[in-house]
Structure formats: structure tokens, C-alpha cells
Amino acid sequence: MLKNIFAAILAVSLIFCAASEKVFAADVWIAEESSTDIYIMTDTIVHKTGDGWEGLWVVTKKVRGGQTESTTKWTFDVKNGRYSTSNMRTEHTTIISKGSLAEKILNKSLQYI
């Protein structure tokens, strides 16, 4: 009888723990900016190479208080050290600077390809 009660309590506890989780296993924390956590959604990483080029695409999400605020699509031109995001003008790219969020996202994403 005591074993059944213990097993039931354990099962209910596991269900509540699993249901309260807001960040999934495929999400990897990258940085915190303005009280917002930024995660890479590793299941969105796409890496391709071609004749003299290397591209990487990934989606990040901003999470505050356990709730997703927004997502951003990142496009990296790995060979030329440039990137663009879905929040930028269409044909605009930016140089990946040392220590920047873009560099952190690129380096972490490359670990998952």
C-alpha cells in the first residue's frame, strides 16, 4: 500500500515537472540581454557549402519569464564573416565582430552541425 502511494506521488511530481518546462531540449542558451534570455533552436540549424562558400541558417528565440517573446532567423556567410537577420533590411549584411551575439550564435551553431 505504501509503495503504491509513493509511486503515485512520484508519477504526479514527474508530470508536473515535465508540464512546467518552458525550454525544450533542442534549445541552447546563448546569452542574456535586457532581462531576456536568447536561445538557439538547434533543430532549425541548416549548414551548406558550395563552390567557395559556406552558409549557415538558424533561428533564435528570446524568452522572458518563461514565455517566448520573438524569434529571429539568422543567415551566416561563414567564409566572408558576415550575417543578416530577419529583422534587418533585405539586402543588408553586417560583419561578425568579436564577442558579438552573432559570433556567439555562429560558434555555438557550428558545434551542432
C-alpha atoms as a PDB file:
ATOM      1  CA  MET A   1       0.000   0.000   0.000  1.00  0.00           C
ATOM      2  CA  LEU A   2       2.773   2.444   0.968  1.00  0.00           C
ATOM      3  CA  LYS A   3       4.648   1.580  -2.242  1.00  0.00           C
ATOM      4  CA  ASN A   4       1.576   2.420  -4.333  1.00  0.00           C
ATOM      5  CA  ILE A   5       1.139   5.790  -2.618  1.00  0.00           C
ATOM      6  CA  PHE A   6       4.830   6.612  -3.112  1.00  0.00           C
ATOM      7  CA  ALA A   7       4.669   5.575  -6.784  1.00  0.00           C
ATOM      8  CA  ALA A   8       1.564   7.735  -7.337  1.00  0.00           C
ATOM      9  CA  ILE A   9       3.198  10.779  -5.707  1.00  0.00           C
ATOM     10  CA  LEU A  10       6.333  10.269  -7.791  1.00  0.00           C
ATOM     11  CA  ALA A  11       4.318   9.944 -11.011  1.00  0.00           C
ATOM     12  CA  VAL A  12       2.312  13.107 -10.307  1.00  0.00           C
ATOM     13  CA  SER A  13       5.517  15.006  -9.454  1.00  0.00           C
ATOM     14  CA  LEU A  14       7.134  13.962 -12.729  1.00  0.00           C
ATOM     15  CA  ILE A  15       4.076  15.026 -14.703  1.00  0.00           C
ATOM     16  CA  PHE A  16       4.056  18.489 -13.102  1.00  0.00           C
ATOM     17  CA  CYS A  17       7.796  18.935 -13.652  1.00  0.00           C
ATOM     18  CA  ALA A  18       7.534  17.974 -17.322  1.00  0.00           C
ATOM     19  CA  ALA A  19       4.484  20.192 -17.893  1.00  0.00           C
ATOM     20  CA  SER A  20       6.125  23.271 -16.374  1.00  0.00           C
ATOM     21  CA  GLU A  21       9.234  23.134 -18.574  1.00  0.00           C
ATOM     22  CA  LYS A  22       9.284  26.102 -20.997  1.00  0.00           C
ATOM     23  CA  VAL A  23      12.587  25.485 -22.793  1.00  0.00           C
ATOM     24  CA  PHE A  24      12.940  22.347 -24.864  1.00  0.00           C
ATOM     25  CA  ALA A  25      15.925  20.017 -25.189  1.00  0.00           C
ATOM     26  CA  ALA A  26      16.628  21.410 -28.652  1.00  0.00           C
ATOM     27  CA  ASP A  27      17.036  24.936 -27.251  1.00  0.00           C
ATOM     28  CA  VAL A  28      20.531  26.026 -26.193  1.00  0.00           C
ATOM     29  CA  TRP A  29      21.041  29.163 -24.105  1.00  0.00           C
ATOM     30  CA  ILE A  30      23.379  31.701 -25.721  1.00  0.00           C
ATOM     31  CA  ALA A  31      23.105  34.996 -23.880  1.00  0.00           C
ATOM     32  CA  GLU A  32      21.023  37.313 -21.743  1.00  0.00           C
ATOM     33  CA  GLU A  33      20.163  40.808 -22.934  1.00  0.00           C
ATOM     34  CA  SER A  34      17.877  43.245 -21.089  1.00  0.00           C
ATOM     35  CA  SER A  35      16.457  40.516 -18.813  1.00  0.00           C
ATOM     36  CA  THR A  36      15.670  38.383 -21.865  1.00  0.00           C
ATOM     37  CA  ASP A  37      17.327  35.014 -22.490  1.00  0.00           C
ATOM     38  CA  ILE A  38      18.347  34.147 -26.043  1.00  0.00           C
ATOM     39  CA  TYR A  39      18.301  30.524 -27.181  1.00  0.00           C
ATOM     40  CA  ILE A  40      19.373  28.769 -30.358  1.00  0.00           C
ATOM     41  CA  MET A  41      16.741  26.371 -31.641  1.00  0.00           C
ATOM     42  CA  THR A  42      19.173  23.636 -32.667  1.00  0.00           C
ATOM     43  CA  ASP A  43      16.611  21.733 -34.717  1.00  0.00           C
ATOM     44  CA  THR A  44      16.495  24.720 -37.127  1.00  0.00           C
ATOM     45  CA  ILE A  45      20.225  24.739 -37.986  1.00  0.00           C
ATOM     46  CA  VAL A  46      20.974  24.288 -41.691  1.00  0.00           C
ATOM     47  CA  HIS A  47      24.560  24.204 -42.948  1.00  0.00           C
ATOM     48  CA  LYS A  48      25.515  24.115 -46.633  1.00  0.00           C
ATOM     49  CA  THR A  49      28.707  24.504 -48.596  1.00  0.00           C
ATOM     50  CA  GLY A  50      29.255  25.196 -52.246  1.00  0.00           C
ATOM     51  CA  ASP A  51      31.908  26.316 -54.670  1.00  0.00           C
ATOM     52  CA  GLY A  52      33.919  28.624 -52.401  1.00  0.00           C
ATOM     53  CA  TRP A  53      31.109  29.485 -49.982  1.00  0.00           C
ATOM     54  CA  GLU A  54      29.724  28.216 -46.703  1.00  0.00           C
ATOM     55  CA  GLY A  55      26.323  29.189 -45.345  1.00  0.00           C
ATOM     56  CA  LEU A  56      24.554  28.574 -42.062  1.00  0.00           C
ATOM     57  CA  TRP A  57      20.948  29.343 -41.147  1.00  0.00           C
ATOM     58  CA  VAL A  58      19.495  29.176 -37.644  1.00  0.00           C
ATOM     59  CA  VAL A  59      16.534  30.503 -35.677  1.00  0.00           C
ATOM     60  CA  THR A  60      16.895  32.010 -32.213  1.00  0.00           C
ATOM     61  CA  LYS A  61      14.209  32.890 -29.741  1.00  0.00           C
ATOM     62  CA  LYS A  62      14.002  35.483 -26.997  1.00  0.00           C
ATOM     63  CA  VAL A  63      12.427  34.233 -23.771  1.00  0.00           C
ATOM     64  CA  ARG A  64      11.348  36.386 -20.838  1.00  0.00           C
ATOM     65  CA  GLY A  65       9.673  34.916 -17.778  1.00  0.00           C
ATOM     66  CA  GLY A  66       9.380  31.519 -19.445  1.00  0.00           C
ATOM     67  CA  GLN A  67       7.450  32.918 -22.434  1.00  0.00           C
ATOM     68  CA  THR A  68       8.750  33.278 -25.975  1.00  0.00           C
ATOM     69  CA  GLU A  69       8.700  36.944 -26.974  1.00  0.00           C
ATOM     70  CA  SER A  70      10.039  36.657 -30.513  1.00  0.00           C
ATOM     71  CA  THR A  71      12.055  34.574 -32.948  1.00  0.00           C
ATOM     72  CA  THR A  72      14.767  35.727 -35.338  1.00  0.00           C
ATOM     73  CA  LYS A  73      16.124  33.964 -38.429  1.00  0.00           C
ATOM     74  CA  TRP A  74      19.892  34.336 -38.811  1.00  0.00           C
ATOM     75  CA  THR A  75      21.786  33.812 -42.088  1.00  0.00           C
ATOM     76  CA  PHE A  76      25.567  33.496 -41.911  1.00  0.00           C
ATOM     77  CA  ASP A  77      28.054  33.804 -44.767  1.00  0.00           C
ATOM     78  CA  VAL A  78      30.726  31.858 -42.890  1.00  0.00           C
ATOM     79  CA  LYS A  79      33.562  32.293 -45.408  1.00  0.00           C
ATOM     80  CA  ASN A  80      33.192  36.085 -45.574  1.00  0.00           C
ATOM     81  CA  GLY A  81      32.400  36.612 -41.875  1.00  0.00           C
ATOM     82  CA  ARG A  82      29.044  38.320 -42.479  1.00  0.00           C
ATOM     83  CA  TYR A  83      25.476  37.805 -41.326  1.00  0.00           C
ATOM     84  CA  SER A  84      21.941  39.085 -41.704  1.00  0.00           C
ATOM     85  CA  THR A  85      18.766  38.576 -39.688  1.00  0.00           C
ATOM     86  CA  SER A  86      15.053  38.600 -40.405  1.00  0.00           C
ATOM     87  CA  ASN A  87      14.925  41.910 -38.509  1.00  0.00           C
ATOM     88  CA  MET A  88      17.309  43.663 -40.943  1.00  0.00           C
ATOM     89  CA  ARG A  89      16.699  45.256 -44.329  1.00  0.00           C
ATOM     90  CA  THR A  90      16.516  42.672 -47.087  1.00  0.00           C
ATOM     91  CA  GLU A  91      19.874  43.099 -48.808  1.00  0.00           C
ATOM     92  CA  HIS A  92      21.847  44.301 -45.801  1.00  0.00           C
ATOM     93  CA  THR A  93      24.614  42.225 -44.166  1.00  0.00           C
ATOM     94  CA  THR A  94      26.847  43.015 -41.217  1.00  0.00           C
ATOM     95  CA  ILE A  95      30.377  41.944 -40.328  1.00  0.00           C
ATOM     96  CA  ILE A  96      30.546  39.421 -37.480  1.00  0.00           C
ATOM     97  CA  SER A  97      32.501  41.249 -34.778  1.00  0.00           C
ATOM     98  CA  LYS A  98      34.481  39.579 -31.986  1.00  0.00           C
ATOM     99  CA  GLY A  99      32.434  38.919 -28.861  1.00  0.00           C
ATOM    100  CA  SER A 100      29.151  39.880 -30.540  1.00  0.00           C
ATOM    101  CA  LEU A 101      25.900  37.989 -30.192  1.00  0.00           C
ATOM    102  CA  ALA A 102      26.232  36.996 -33.855  1.00  0.00           C
ATOM    103  CA  GLU A 103      29.637  35.410 -33.189  1.00  0.00           C
ATOM    104  CA  LYS A 104      28.271  33.509 -30.181  1.00  0.00           C
ATOM    105  CA  ILE A 105      25.328  32.203 -32.204  1.00  0.00           C
ATOM    106  CA  LEU A 106      27.543  31.186 -35.129  1.00  0.00           C
ATOM    107  CA  ASN A 107      30.124  29.408 -32.973  1.00  0.00           C
ATOM    108  CA  LYS A 108      27.519  27.528 -30.935  1.00  0.00           C
ATOM    109  CA  SER A 109      25.556  26.585 -34.067  1.00  0.00           C
ATOM    110  CA  LEU A 110      28.676  25.184 -35.723  1.00  0.00           C
ATOM    111  CA  GLN A 111      29.006  22.782 -32.779  1.00  0.00           C
ATOM    112  CA  TYR A 112      25.659  21.211 -33.776  1.00  0.00           C
ATOM    113  CA  ILE A 113      26.327  20.502 -37.456  1.00  0.00           C
END
